């Protein structure tokens, strides 16, 4: 009878060991993933169209808005805008096609659709 008890206990131990070995180990809890920060626009949208408009061609209300923006802008901001224009061949060419240079540009607007509008002013205006 003792042998039977020892044999039964040994078999139970063997089955318990085999059963635990067959179980898939529980993976360690996953570290909470850091939510990705929203992607900030790294650059402006690609330029698809370029319009060059003289400030005098604008409707009076729009002209007043442009003049108010220009009045608030510093000379450094204007120089930075003109430098960007000169550094972009397609924009510079669009101005040259109108017989103008970046020095005539007083404001620019870039739409999300890639439409760039350059507002120019003649020196005597």
N, C-alpha and C. Protein backbone atom coordinates (compact mmCIF):
# COMPACT_ATOMS: atom_id res chain seq x y z
N UNK A 1 0.81 -1.16 0.00
CA UNK A 1 0.00 0.00 0.00
C UNK A 1 0.87 1.25 0.00
N UNK A 2 1.97 1.17 0.72
CA UNK A 2 2.87 2.31 0.72
C UNK A 2 3.40 2.58 -0.67
N UNK A 3 3.72 1.52 -1.36
CA UNK A 3 4.26 1.70 -2.71
C UNK A 3 3.22 2.35 -3.60
N UNK A 4 1.97 1.98 -3.39
CA UNK A 4 0.91 2.53 -4.20
C UNK A 4 0.76 4.02 -3.91
N UNK A 5 0.87 4.45 -2.68
CA UNK A 5 0.74 5.85 -2.33
C UNK A 5 1.89 6.65 -2.90
N UNK A 6 3.10 6.09 -2.79
CA UNK A 6 4.28 6.77 -3.32
C UNK A 6 4.17 6.86 -4.84
N UNK A 7 3.73 5.82 -5.47
CA UNK A 7 3.58 5.80 -6.92
C UNK A 7 2.52 6.83 -7.34
N UNK A 8 1.42 6.91 -6.65
CA UNK A 8 0.36 7.86 -6.98
C UNK A 8 0.84 9.29 -6.77
N UNK A 9 1.58 9.53 -5.70
CA UNK A 9 2.10 10.87 -5.44
C UNK A 9 3.12 11.26 -6.50
N UNK A 10 3.98 10.32 -6.88
CA UNK A 10 4.98 10.58 -7.92
C UNK A 10 4.32 10.89 -9.26
N UNK A 11 3.27 10.12 -9.57
CA UNK A 11 2.56 10.33 -10.84
C UNK A 11 1.87 11.70 -10.82
N UNK A 12 1.28 12.04 -9.69
CA UNK A 12 0.62 13.34 -9.59
C UNK A 12 1.63 14.47 -9.75
N UNK A 13 2.81 14.30 -9.14
CA UNK A 13 3.86 15.31 -9.26
C UNK A 13 4.34 15.40 -10.70
N UNK A 14 4.48 14.27 -11.37
CA UNK A 14 4.93 14.26 -12.76
C UNK A 14 3.90 14.94 -13.65
N UNK A 15 2.62 14.65 -13.43
CA UNK A 15 1.58 15.29 -14.22
C UNK A 15 1.51 16.79 -13.96
N UNK A 16 1.70 17.19 -12.73
CA UNK A 16 1.65 18.61 -12.39
C UNK A 16 2.80 19.35 -13.06
N UNK A 17 3.98 18.74 -13.05
CA UNK A 17 5.15 19.35 -13.68
C UNK A 17 4.94 19.44 -15.20
N UNK A 18 4.45 18.36 -15.80
CA UNK A 18 4.23 18.34 -17.24
C UNK A 18 3.15 19.35 -17.63
N UNK A 19 2.11 19.43 -16.84
CA UNK A 19 1.02 20.36 -17.15
C UNK A 19 1.50 21.80 -17.08
N UNK A 20 2.31 22.11 -16.08
CA UNK A 20 2.79 23.49 -15.98
C UNK A 20 3.78 23.81 -17.08
N UNK A 21 4.52 22.83 -17.55
CA UNK A 21 5.48 23.06 -18.63
C UNK A 21 4.77 23.31 -19.95
N UNK A 22 3.58 22.72 -20.11
CA UNK A 22 2.86 22.89 -21.37
C UNK A 22 2.14 24.23 -21.46
N UNK A 23 1.89 24.85 -20.34
CA UNK A 23 1.21 26.14 -20.37
C UNK A 23 2.14 27.19 -20.97
N UNK A 24 1.55 28.05 -21.77
CA UNK A 24 2.35 29.15 -22.33
C UNK A 24 2.68 30.12 -21.21
N UNK A 25 3.93 30.52 -21.14
CA UNK A 25 4.26 31.47 -20.09
C UNK A 25 3.49 32.77 -20.33
N UNK A 26 3.05 33.36 -19.28
CA UNK A 26 2.33 34.62 -19.38
C UNK A 26 3.32 35.71 -19.74
N UNK A 27 3.05 36.43 -20.81
CA UNK A 27 3.99 37.49 -21.18
C UNK A 27 3.98 38.58 -20.12
N UNK A 28 5.11 39.20 -19.93
CA UNK A 28 5.14 40.28 -18.95
C UNK A 28 4.18 41.38 -19.38
N UNK A 29 3.61 42.08 -18.44
CA UNK A 29 2.68 43.14 -18.82
C UNK A 29 3.37 44.15 -19.73
N UNK A 30 2.66 44.51 -20.76
CA UNK A 30 3.24 45.46 -21.72
C UNK A 30 3.38 46.82 -21.05
N UNK A 31 4.48 47.45 -21.37
CA UNK A 31 4.68 48.80 -20.84
C UNK A 31 3.68 49.72 -21.51
N UNK A 32 3.13 50.62 -20.77
CA UNK A 32 2.18 51.53 -21.41
C UNK A 32 2.88 52.29 -22.53
N UNK A 33 2.27 52.23 -23.68
CA UNK A 33 2.90 52.91 -24.82
C UNK A 33 2.69 54.42 -24.68
N UNK A 34 3.71 55.13 -25.06
CA UNK A 34 3.63 56.58 -25.03
C UNK A 34 2.83 57.02 -26.24
N UNK A 35 1.76 57.77 -26.03
CA UNK A 35 0.99 58.21 -27.19
C UNK A 35 1.85 59.10 -28.06
N UNK A 36 1.76 58.87 -29.34
CA UNK A 36 2.54 59.68 -30.28
C UNK A 36 2.00 61.10 -30.28
N UNK A 37 2.90 62.02 -30.25
CA UNK A 37 2.51 63.43 -30.29
C UNK A 37 1.97 63.71 -31.68
N UNK A 38 0.97 64.58 -31.78
CA UNK A 38 0.47 64.90 -33.10
C UNK A 38 1.58 65.48 -33.95
N UNK A 39 1.61 65.06 -35.19
CA UNK A 39 2.67 65.52 -36.08
C UNK A 39 2.46 66.99 -36.41
N UNK A 40 3.45 67.76 -36.11
CA UNK A 40 3.39 69.18 -36.44
C UNK A 40 3.86 69.36 -37.87
N UNK A 41 3.25 70.26 -38.56
CA UNK A 41 3.71 70.49 -39.91
C UNK A 41 5.15 70.94 -39.92
N UNK A 42 5.97 70.19 -40.60
CA UNK A 42 7.38 70.53 -40.61
C UNK A 42 7.68 71.60 -41.65
N UNK A 43 6.84 71.61 -42.66
CA UNK A 43 7.04 72.61 -43.70
C UNK A 43 5.68 73.09 -44.18
N UNK A 44 5.71 74.17 -44.90
CA UNK A 44 4.49 74.69 -45.49
C UNK A 44 4.06 73.73 -46.60
N UNK A 45 2.80 73.77 -46.98
CA UNK A 45 2.37 72.92 -48.08
C UNK A 45 3.15 73.25 -49.35
N UNK A 46 3.28 72.28 -50.21
CA UNK A 46 4.00 72.49 -51.46
C UNK A 46 3.27 73.54 -52.30
N UNK A 47 4.03 74.38 -52.94
CA UNK A 47 3.46 75.44 -53.77
C UNK A 47 2.94 74.82 -55.06
N UNK A 48 1.65 75.03 -55.33
CA UNK A 48 1.04 74.51 -56.55
C UNK A 48 0.76 75.63 -57.54
N UNK A 49 0.31 76.78 -57.03
CA UNK A 49 0.04 77.93 -57.89
C UNK A 49 0.60 79.18 -57.23
N UNK A 50 1.00 80.12 -58.06
CA UNK A 50 1.54 81.39 -57.56
C UNK A 50 0.79 82.52 -58.26
N UNK A 51 0.23 83.40 -57.44
CA UNK A 51 -0.46 84.58 -57.97
C UNK A 51 0.29 85.81 -57.48
N UNK A 52 0.53 86.74 -58.39
CA UNK A 52 1.17 88.00 -58.04
C UNK A 52 0.12 89.09 -58.25
N UNK A 53 -0.21 89.79 -57.15
CA UNK A 53 -1.28 90.79 -57.19
C UNK A 53 -0.74 92.10 -56.65
N UNK A 54 -0.98 93.17 -57.39
CA UNK A 54 -0.61 94.51 -56.90
C UNK A 54 -1.64 94.94 -55.87
N UNK A 55 -1.19 95.55 -54.81
CA UNK A 55 -2.08 95.96 -53.73
C UNK A 55 -3.19 96.88 -54.23
N UNK A 56 -2.93 97.66 -55.26
CA UNK A 56 -3.93 98.59 -55.79
C UNK A 56 -5.06 97.85 -56.51
N UNK A 57 -4.85 96.60 -56.89
CA UNK A 57 -5.88 95.82 -57.57
C UNK A 57 -6.84 95.15 -56.59
N UNK A 58 -6.53 95.20 -55.32
CA UNK A 58 -7.37 94.55 -54.31
C UNK A 58 -8.59 95.39 -54.00
N UNK A 59 -9.68 94.74 -53.58
CA UNK A 59 -10.85 95.51 -53.12
C UNK A 59 -10.46 96.35 -51.91
N UNK A 60 -11.14 97.45 -51.69
CA UNK A 60 -10.78 98.39 -50.62
C UNK A 60 -10.70 97.71 -49.25
N UNK A 61 -11.64 96.83 -48.93
CA UNK A 61 -11.64 96.17 -47.62
C UNK A 61 -10.39 95.29 -47.46
N UNK A 62 -10.06 94.56 -48.50
CA UNK A 62 -8.89 93.68 -48.46
C UNK A 62 -7.62 94.51 -48.40
N UNK A 63 -7.59 95.58 -49.18
CA UNK A 63 -6.43 96.47 -49.17
C UNK A 63 -6.19 97.04 -47.77
N UNK A 64 -7.26 97.41 -47.09
CA UNK A 64 -7.13 97.93 -45.73
C UNK A 64 -6.57 96.86 -44.78
N UNK A 65 -7.02 95.63 -44.95
CA UNK A 65 -6.51 94.53 -44.11
C UNK A 65 -5.03 94.30 -44.35
N UNK A 66 -4.64 94.31 -45.62
CA UNK A 66 -3.23 94.10 -45.96
C UNK A 66 -2.38 95.22 -45.39
N UNK A 67 -2.84 96.45 -45.53
CA UNK A 67 -2.08 97.58 -45.01
C UNK A 67 -1.94 97.51 -43.49
N UNK A 68 -2.98 97.04 -42.81
CA UNK A 68 -2.91 96.90 -41.35
C UNK A 68 -1.88 95.84 -40.96
N UNK A 69 -1.83 94.75 -41.70
CA UNK A 69 -0.85 93.69 -41.42
C UNK A 69 0.57 94.19 -41.70
N UNK A 70 0.73 94.87 -42.81
CA UNK A 70 2.05 95.40 -43.18
C UNK A 70 2.54 96.39 -42.13
N UNK A 71 1.64 97.21 -41.60
CA UNK A 71 2.02 98.21 -40.60
C UNK A 71 2.51 97.57 -39.30
N UNK A 72 2.00 96.40 -38.97
CA UNK A 72 2.39 95.71 -37.73
C UNK A 72 3.69 94.92 -37.87
N UNK A 73 4.08 94.63 -39.09
CA UNK A 73 5.25 93.79 -39.34
C UNK A 73 6.54 94.59 -39.23
N UNK A 74 7.57 93.94 -38.69
CA UNK A 74 8.87 94.61 -38.56
C UNK A 74 9.65 94.52 -39.88
N UNK A 75 10.66 95.37 -39.99
CA UNK A 75 11.53 95.33 -41.17
C UNK A 75 12.24 93.98 -41.27
N UNK A 76 12.60 93.42 -40.12
CA UNK A 76 13.27 92.11 -40.11
C UNK A 76 12.35 91.03 -40.70
N UNK A 77 11.06 91.09 -40.36
CA UNK A 77 10.11 90.12 -40.90
C UNK A 77 9.99 90.27 -42.41
N UNK A 78 9.96 91.49 -42.87
CA UNK A 78 9.85 91.75 -44.30
C UNK A 78 11.10 91.24 -45.03
N UNK A 79 12.26 91.47 -44.45
CA UNK A 79 13.50 90.99 -45.06
C UNK A 79 13.54 89.46 -45.09
N UNK A 80 13.02 88.83 -44.05
CA UNK A 80 12.97 87.37 -44.00
C UNK A 80 12.05 86.84 -45.10
N UNK A 81 10.90 87.49 -45.30
CA UNK A 81 9.97 87.11 -46.36
C UNK A 81 10.64 87.23 -47.72
N UNK A 82 11.27 88.35 -47.94
CA UNK A 82 11.93 88.57 -49.23
C UNK A 82 13.09 87.61 -49.45
N UNK A 83 13.80 87.27 -48.39
CA UNK A 83 14.88 86.29 -48.50
C UNK A 83 14.35 84.92 -48.88
N UNK A 84 13.21 84.55 -48.31
CA UNK A 84 12.57 83.26 -48.65
C UNK A 84 12.15 83.23 -50.10
N UNK A 85 11.64 84.36 -50.58
CA UNK A 85 11.22 84.44 -51.98
C UNK A 85 12.43 84.27 -52.89
N UNK A 86 13.51 84.98 -52.59
CA UNK A 86 14.72 84.89 -53.42
C UNK A 86 15.34 83.49 -53.39
N UNK A 87 15.12 82.76 -52.30
CA UNK A 87 15.68 81.42 -52.16
C UNK A 87 14.82 80.34 -52.83
N UNK A 88 13.64 80.73 -53.32
CA UNK A 88 12.74 79.76 -53.95
C UNK A 88 12.63 80.11 -55.44
N UNK A 89 13.34 79.36 -56.29
CA UNK A 89 13.41 79.70 -57.71
C UNK A 89 12.06 79.87 -58.40
N UNK A 90 11.10 79.01 -58.12
CA UNK A 90 9.81 79.12 -58.82
C UNK A 90 9.06 80.39 -58.43
N UNK A 91 9.20 80.83 -57.18
CA UNK A 91 8.54 82.05 -56.73
C UNK A 91 9.25 83.27 -57.33
N UNK A 92 10.56 83.21 -57.29
CA UNK A 92 11.36 84.31 -57.86
C UNK A 92 11.05 84.46 -59.35
N UNK A 93 10.93 83.35 -60.07
CA UNK A 93 10.61 83.39 -61.50
C UNK A 93 9.23 83.97 -61.77
N UNK A 94 8.28 83.64 -60.91
CA UNK A 94 6.93 84.19 -61.09
C UNK A 94 6.94 85.71 -60.96
N UNK A 95 7.74 86.23 -60.03
CA UNK A 95 7.86 87.68 -59.89
C UNK A 95 8.56 88.28 -61.10
N UNK A 96 9.64 87.66 -61.53
CA UNK A 96 10.39 88.17 -62.67
C UNK A 96 9.54 88.19 -63.93
N UNK A 97 8.62 87.22 -64.05
CA UNK A 97 7.73 87.19 -65.21
C UNK A 97 6.82 88.41 -65.24
N UNK A 98 6.59 89.00 -64.08
CA UNK A 98 5.77 90.21 -63.97
C UNK A 98 6.64 91.47 -64.00
N UNK A 99 7.95 91.29 -64.18
CA UNK A 99 8.87 92.42 -64.20
C UNK A 99 9.16 92.95 -62.80
N UNK A 100 9.04 92.09 -61.78
CA UNK A 100 9.23 92.51 -60.39
C UNK A 100 10.33 91.69 -59.72
N UNK A 101 10.74 92.17 -58.56
CA UNK A 101 11.68 91.43 -57.72
C UNK A 101 11.04 91.29 -56.34
N UNK A 102 11.71 90.60 -55.46
CA UNK A 102 11.18 90.40 -54.11
C UNK A 102 11.05 91.72 -53.36
N UNK A 103 11.79 92.75 -53.78
CA UNK A 103 11.71 94.05 -53.13
C UNK A 103 10.32 94.67 -53.26
N UNK A 104 9.54 94.25 -54.26
CA UNK A 104 8.20 94.79 -54.46
C UNK A 104 7.16 94.09 -53.59
N UNK A 105 7.51 92.95 -52.99
CA UNK A 105 6.55 92.17 -52.20
C UNK A 105 6.39 92.80 -50.82
N UNK A 106 5.13 93.04 -50.44
CA UNK A 106 4.84 93.59 -49.11
C UNK A 106 4.16 92.56 -48.21
N UNK A 107 3.56 91.54 -48.82
CA UNK A 107 2.90 90.49 -48.05
C UNK A 107 2.77 89.24 -48.90
N UNK A 108 2.58 88.13 -48.22
CA UNK A 108 2.37 86.86 -48.91
C UNK A 108 1.39 86.04 -48.10
N UNK A 109 0.65 85.21 -48.81
CA UNK A 109 -0.32 84.34 -48.15
C UNK A 109 -0.25 82.97 -48.81
N UNK A 110 -0.15 81.93 -47.98
CA UNK A 110 -0.07 80.56 -48.48
C UNK A 110 -1.31 79.81 -48.01
N UNK A 111 -2.10 79.33 -48.94
CA UNK A 111 -3.29 78.55 -48.60
C UNK A 111 -2.93 77.09 -48.37
N UNK A 112 -3.79 76.38 -47.67
CA UNK A 112 -3.57 74.95 -47.43
C UNK A 112 -3.60 74.15 -48.72
N UNK A 113 -4.18 74.71 -49.76
CA UNK A 113 -4.27 74.03 -51.04
C UNK A 113 -3.03 74.25 -51.91
N UNK A 114 -2.03 74.96 -51.38
CA UNK A 114 -0.79 75.19 -52.12
C UNK A 114 -0.82 76.45 -52.97
N UNK A 115 -1.83 77.28 -52.79
CA UNK A 115 -1.93 78.52 -53.55
C UNK A 115 -1.17 79.63 -52.82
N UNK A 116 -0.10 80.12 -53.44
CA UNK A 116 0.69 81.21 -52.87
C UNK A 116 0.28 82.50 -53.56
N UNK A 117 -0.05 83.50 -52.75
CA UNK A 117 -0.40 84.81 -53.28
C UNK A 117 0.63 85.81 -52.77
N UNK A 118 1.29 86.48 -53.69
CA UNK A 118 2.25 87.53 -53.35
C UNK A 118 1.59 88.87 -53.63
N UNK A 119 1.58 89.72 -52.61
CA UNK A 119 1.00 91.05 -52.77
C UNK A 119 2.16 92.03 -52.91
N UNK A 120 2.13 92.76 -54.01
CA UNK A 120 3.23 93.67 -54.31
C UNK A 120 2.76 95.11 -54.25
N UNK A 121 3.73 95.98 -54.16
CA UNK A 121 3.44 97.41 -54.15
C UNK A 121 4.53 98.11 -54.94
N UNK A 122 4.09 98.93 -55.89
CA UNK A 122 5.07 99.70 -56.65
C UNK A 122 5.65 100.77 -55.76
N UNK A 123 6.90 101.12 -56.00
CA UNK A 123 7.59 102.08 -55.14
C UNK A 123 6.88 103.42 -55.05
N UNK A 124 6.26 103.88 -56.14
CA UNK A 124 5.62 105.18 -56.12
C UNK A 124 4.20 105.16 -55.56
N UNK A 125 3.68 103.98 -55.19
CA UNK A 125 2.32 103.90 -54.66
C UNK A 125 2.32 104.07 -53.17
